[in-house]
N, C-alpha and C. Protein backbone atom coordinates (compact mmCIF):
# COMPACT_ATOMS: atom_id res chain seq x y z
N MET A 1 -37.19 -16.01 -30.88
CA MET A 1 -36.01 -15.37 -30.35
C MET A 1 -35.34 -16.34 -29.38
N ARG A 2 -34.09 -16.65 -29.63
CA ARG A 2 -33.31 -17.52 -28.75
C ARG A 2 -32.42 -16.68 -27.86
N VAL A 3 -32.32 -17.06 -26.60
CA VAL A 3 -31.45 -16.38 -25.65
C VAL A 3 -30.38 -17.38 -25.23
N ILE A 4 -29.12 -16.98 -25.37
CA ILE A 4 -28.00 -17.86 -25.05
C ILE A 4 -27.31 -17.33 -23.80
N LEU A 5 -27.23 -18.20 -22.78
CA LEU A 5 -26.63 -17.83 -21.50
C LEU A 5 -25.32 -18.58 -21.23
N ASP A 6 -24.81 -19.31 -22.21
CA ASP A 6 -23.64 -20.16 -22.00
C ASP A 6 -22.48 -19.46 -21.33
N ARG A 7 -22.22 -18.24 -21.72
CA ARG A 7 -21.04 -17.52 -21.21
C ARG A 7 -21.18 -17.07 -19.77
N VAL A 8 -22.39 -17.05 -19.25
CA VAL A 8 -22.60 -16.52 -17.89
C VAL A 8 -23.16 -17.56 -16.92
N ASN A 9 -23.23 -18.81 -17.31
CA ASN A 9 -23.82 -19.83 -16.44
C ASN A 9 -23.17 -19.87 -15.06
N LYS A 10 -21.85 -19.79 -14.97
CA LYS A 10 -21.17 -19.83 -13.67
C LYS A 10 -21.52 -18.60 -12.84
N LYS A 11 -21.61 -17.46 -13.48
CA LYS A 11 -21.91 -16.20 -12.79
C LYS A 11 -23.32 -16.22 -12.19
N LEU A 12 -24.24 -16.96 -12.80
CA LEU A 12 -25.62 -16.99 -12.33
C LEU A 12 -25.74 -17.50 -10.90
N ARG A 13 -24.78 -18.31 -10.45
CA ARG A 13 -24.80 -18.85 -9.09
C ARG A 13 -24.61 -17.75 -8.04
N TYR A 14 -23.97 -16.66 -8.43
CA TYR A 14 -23.62 -15.61 -7.48
C TYR A 14 -24.56 -14.42 -7.51
N ILE A 15 -25.54 -14.48 -8.36
CA ILE A 15 -26.50 -13.38 -8.48
C ILE A 15 -27.61 -13.57 -7.45
N PRO A 16 -28.00 -12.52 -6.75
CA PRO A 16 -29.09 -12.66 -5.76
C PRO A 16 -30.37 -13.19 -6.43
N PRO A 17 -31.12 -14.00 -5.71
CA PRO A 17 -32.35 -14.59 -6.29
C PRO A 17 -33.32 -13.58 -6.89
N HIS A 18 -33.47 -12.42 -6.25
CA HIS A 18 -34.43 -11.44 -6.78
C HIS A 18 -33.95 -10.86 -8.12
N MET A 19 -32.63 -10.82 -8.35
CA MET A 19 -32.12 -10.36 -9.64
C MET A 19 -32.29 -11.45 -10.70
N LEU A 20 -32.18 -12.71 -10.30
CA LEU A 20 -32.45 -13.81 -11.24
C LEU A 20 -33.89 -13.77 -11.71
N VAL A 21 -34.80 -13.47 -10.80
CA VAL A 21 -36.22 -13.36 -11.17
C VAL A 21 -36.40 -12.24 -12.19
N ARG A 22 -35.75 -11.11 -11.97
CA ARG A 22 -35.86 -9.99 -12.93
C ARG A 22 -35.27 -10.37 -14.29
N LEU A 23 -34.14 -11.09 -14.29
CA LEU A 23 -33.53 -11.54 -15.54
C LEU A 23 -34.47 -12.50 -16.26
N GLN A 24 -35.05 -13.44 -15.53
CA GLN A 24 -35.98 -14.38 -16.14
C GLN A 24 -37.20 -13.66 -16.72
N HIS A 25 -37.67 -12.64 -16.02
CA HIS A 25 -38.81 -11.85 -16.51
C HIS A 25 -38.44 -11.13 -17.81
N TRP A 26 -37.24 -10.56 -17.87
CA TRP A 26 -36.79 -9.89 -19.10
C TRP A 26 -36.71 -10.88 -20.26
N ILE A 27 -36.17 -12.07 -20.00
CA ILE A 27 -36.06 -13.10 -21.04
C ILE A 27 -37.44 -13.54 -21.51
N LYS A 28 -38.37 -13.71 -20.57
CA LYS A 28 -39.74 -14.09 -20.91
C LYS A 28 -40.40 -13.03 -21.80
N GLN A 29 -40.25 -11.76 -21.41
CA GLN A 29 -40.81 -10.67 -22.22
C GLN A 29 -40.14 -10.62 -23.59
N LEU A 30 -38.86 -10.87 -23.63
CA LEU A 30 -38.10 -10.88 -24.88
C LEU A 30 -38.69 -11.89 -25.85
N LYS A 31 -38.99 -13.07 -25.35
CA LYS A 31 -39.56 -14.12 -26.20
C LYS A 31 -40.98 -13.81 -26.61
N LEU A 32 -41.74 -13.12 -25.75
CA LEU A 32 -43.14 -12.81 -26.05
C LEU A 32 -43.30 -11.66 -27.04
N ILE A 33 -42.60 -10.54 -26.79
CA ILE A 33 -42.85 -9.36 -27.61
C ILE A 33 -41.70 -8.98 -28.54
N GLY A 34 -40.54 -9.60 -28.36
CA GLY A 34 -39.41 -9.30 -29.23
C GLY A 34 -38.54 -8.17 -28.70
N ILE A 35 -37.33 -8.14 -29.20
CA ILE A 35 -36.34 -7.19 -28.70
C ILE A 35 -36.68 -5.74 -29.06
N GLU A 36 -37.21 -5.50 -30.24
CA GLU A 36 -37.53 -4.12 -30.64
C GLU A 36 -38.57 -3.49 -29.73
N GLU A 37 -39.62 -4.23 -29.40
CA GLU A 37 -40.66 -3.71 -28.52
C GLU A 37 -40.15 -3.58 -27.08
N LEU A 38 -39.32 -4.53 -26.67
CA LEU A 38 -38.81 -4.49 -25.30
C LEU A 38 -37.86 -3.31 -25.08
N ARG A 39 -37.17 -2.91 -26.13
CA ARG A 39 -36.27 -1.74 -26.01
C ARG A 39 -37.04 -0.46 -25.71
N LYS A 40 -38.29 -0.42 -26.06
CA LYS A 40 -39.13 0.75 -25.81
C LYS A 40 -39.55 0.85 -24.35
N HIS A 41 -39.41 -0.23 -23.60
CA HIS A 41 -39.80 -0.25 -22.19
C HIS A 41 -38.80 0.58 -21.39
N PRO A 42 -39.23 1.68 -20.78
CA PRO A 42 -38.29 2.58 -20.12
C PRO A 42 -37.61 2.00 -18.88
N GLY A 43 -38.19 1.01 -18.25
CA GLY A 43 -37.64 0.46 -17.02
C GLY A 43 -36.30 -0.23 -17.20
N TYR A 44 -36.06 -0.79 -18.39
CA TYR A 44 -34.80 -1.51 -18.61
C TYR A 44 -33.67 -0.60 -19.09
N ARG A 45 -34.00 0.57 -19.56
CA ARG A 45 -33.00 1.54 -20.04
C ARG A 45 -32.00 0.90 -20.99
N ASP A 46 -32.52 0.21 -21.97
CA ASP A 46 -31.69 -0.47 -22.98
C ASP A 46 -30.93 0.58 -23.79
N LYS A 47 -29.61 0.40 -23.89
CA LYS A 47 -28.84 1.37 -24.67
C LYS A 47 -27.69 0.69 -25.39
N LEU A 48 -27.32 1.28 -26.50
CA LEU A 48 -26.18 0.85 -27.29
C LEU A 48 -24.93 1.43 -26.65
N LEU A 49 -23.90 0.59 -26.51
CA LEU A 49 -22.68 1.03 -25.82
C LEU A 49 -21.62 1.52 -26.79
N LYS A 50 -20.66 2.24 -26.24
CA LYS A 50 -19.57 2.82 -27.03
C LYS A 50 -18.24 2.35 -26.47
N GLY A 51 -17.16 2.80 -27.07
CA GLY A 51 -15.82 2.50 -26.58
C GLY A 51 -15.46 1.04 -26.69
N GLU A 52 -14.90 0.48 -25.61
CA GLU A 52 -14.48 -0.92 -25.62
C GLU A 52 -15.64 -1.88 -25.87
N ARG A 53 -16.83 -1.47 -25.52
CA ARG A 53 -18.02 -2.31 -25.67
C ARG A 53 -18.85 -1.95 -26.90
N LYS A 54 -18.23 -1.32 -27.87
CA LYS A 54 -18.94 -0.93 -29.09
C LYS A 54 -19.58 -2.17 -29.73
N GLY A 55 -20.84 -2.03 -30.10
CA GLY A 55 -21.59 -3.14 -30.70
C GLY A 55 -22.39 -3.94 -29.69
N GLN A 56 -22.13 -3.73 -28.41
CA GLN A 56 -22.87 -4.40 -27.36
C GLN A 56 -24.00 -3.48 -26.89
N ARG A 57 -24.96 -4.10 -26.22
CA ARG A 57 -26.06 -3.35 -25.61
C ARG A 57 -26.11 -3.69 -24.14
N CYS A 58 -26.80 -2.86 -23.38
CA CYS A 58 -26.88 -3.03 -21.94
C CYS A 58 -28.30 -2.72 -21.47
N ILE A 59 -28.78 -3.51 -20.51
CA ILE A 59 -30.03 -3.19 -19.82
C ILE A 59 -29.74 -3.14 -18.32
N ARG A 60 -30.63 -2.47 -17.59
CA ARG A 60 -30.52 -2.42 -16.14
C ARG A 60 -31.58 -3.33 -15.53
N LEU A 61 -31.13 -4.21 -14.66
CA LEU A 61 -32.07 -4.99 -13.86
C LEU A 61 -32.44 -4.22 -12.60
N SER A 62 -31.52 -3.40 -12.15
CA SER A 62 -31.74 -2.53 -10.98
C SER A 62 -30.73 -1.39 -11.10
N LYS A 63 -30.64 -0.58 -10.06
CA LYS A 63 -29.69 0.53 -10.09
C LYS A 63 -28.25 0.02 -10.27
N SER A 64 -27.93 -1.12 -9.67
CA SER A 64 -26.55 -1.58 -9.70
C SER A 64 -26.30 -2.85 -10.52
N TRP A 65 -27.32 -3.52 -11.02
CA TRP A 65 -27.12 -4.75 -11.81
C TRP A 65 -27.39 -4.49 -13.28
N ARG A 66 -26.43 -4.88 -14.12
CA ARG A 66 -26.53 -4.69 -15.58
C ARG A 66 -26.39 -6.03 -16.29
N VAL A 67 -27.02 -6.11 -17.44
CA VAL A 67 -26.87 -7.26 -18.34
C VAL A 67 -26.33 -6.72 -19.66
N PHE A 68 -25.19 -7.26 -20.10
CA PHE A 68 -24.58 -6.87 -21.36
C PHE A 68 -24.85 -7.97 -22.37
N TYR A 69 -25.31 -7.59 -23.56
CA TYR A 69 -25.65 -8.59 -24.57
C TYR A 69 -25.36 -8.09 -25.97
N ILE A 70 -25.33 -9.04 -26.89
CA ILE A 70 -25.25 -8.72 -28.31
C ILE A 70 -26.39 -9.43 -29.02
N GLU A 71 -26.72 -8.90 -30.17
CA GLU A 71 -27.79 -9.46 -30.98
C GLU A 71 -27.17 -10.02 -32.25
N GLU A 72 -27.39 -11.31 -32.50
CA GLU A 72 -26.89 -11.96 -33.72
C GLU A 72 -28.04 -12.69 -34.38
N ASN A 73 -28.37 -12.29 -35.59
CA ASN A 73 -29.48 -12.90 -36.34
C ASN A 73 -30.71 -12.94 -35.46
N ASP A 74 -31.19 -14.13 -35.11
CA ASP A 74 -32.39 -14.25 -34.28
C ASP A 74 -32.02 -14.71 -32.87
N LYS A 75 -30.83 -14.31 -32.40
CA LYS A 75 -30.36 -14.74 -31.08
C LYS A 75 -29.93 -13.53 -30.26
N ILE A 76 -30.14 -13.64 -28.98
CA ILE A 76 -29.60 -12.69 -28.01
C ILE A 76 -28.57 -13.46 -27.21
N ILE A 77 -27.33 -13.00 -27.22
CA ILE A 77 -26.27 -13.67 -26.49
C ILE A 77 -25.90 -12.79 -25.31
N ILE A 78 -26.15 -13.29 -24.11
CA ILE A 78 -25.82 -12.54 -22.89
C ILE A 78 -24.34 -12.77 -22.60
N LEU A 79 -23.58 -11.69 -22.61
CA LEU A 79 -22.14 -11.75 -22.43
C LEU A 79 -21.72 -11.66 -20.98
N GLU A 80 -22.43 -10.82 -20.22
CA GLU A 80 -21.99 -10.56 -18.86
C GLU A 80 -23.16 -10.04 -18.04
N ILE A 81 -23.17 -10.42 -16.78
CA ILE A 81 -24.09 -9.85 -15.80
C ILE A 81 -23.20 -9.23 -14.75
N ASN A 82 -23.37 -7.93 -14.53
CA ASN A 82 -22.40 -7.17 -13.79
C ASN A 82 -23.05 -6.42 -12.64
N HIS A 83 -22.34 -6.34 -11.52
CA HIS A 83 -22.80 -5.57 -10.37
C HIS A 83 -21.87 -4.37 -10.19
N HIS A 84 -22.44 -3.17 -10.25
CA HIS A 84 -21.67 -1.95 -10.05
C HIS A 84 -21.68 -1.58 -8.57
N GLU A 85 -20.54 -1.21 -8.05
CA GLU A 85 -20.46 -0.71 -6.69
C GLU A 85 -20.61 0.80 -6.72
N TYR A 86 -21.52 1.31 -5.92
CA TYR A 86 -21.73 2.75 -5.83
C TYR A 86 -21.37 3.24 -4.46
């Protein structure tokens, strides 16, 4: 499983270090057990999106940090890492 971060490399500079660690952990697990098994992990709350983001998926790194991605063949392409204000 390949993970592509090209689209978010600049954004990674602004993410808190503890969220980068969580992202790296998710990527490591992704490579070890695969996306199908990782989706079963309740902590990430992986879900298929609707509306403008139809076809994309989202995981939670924390209550306010999200990772949006798409799956293409044997690749995971991370589109956006987002911080929600509550």
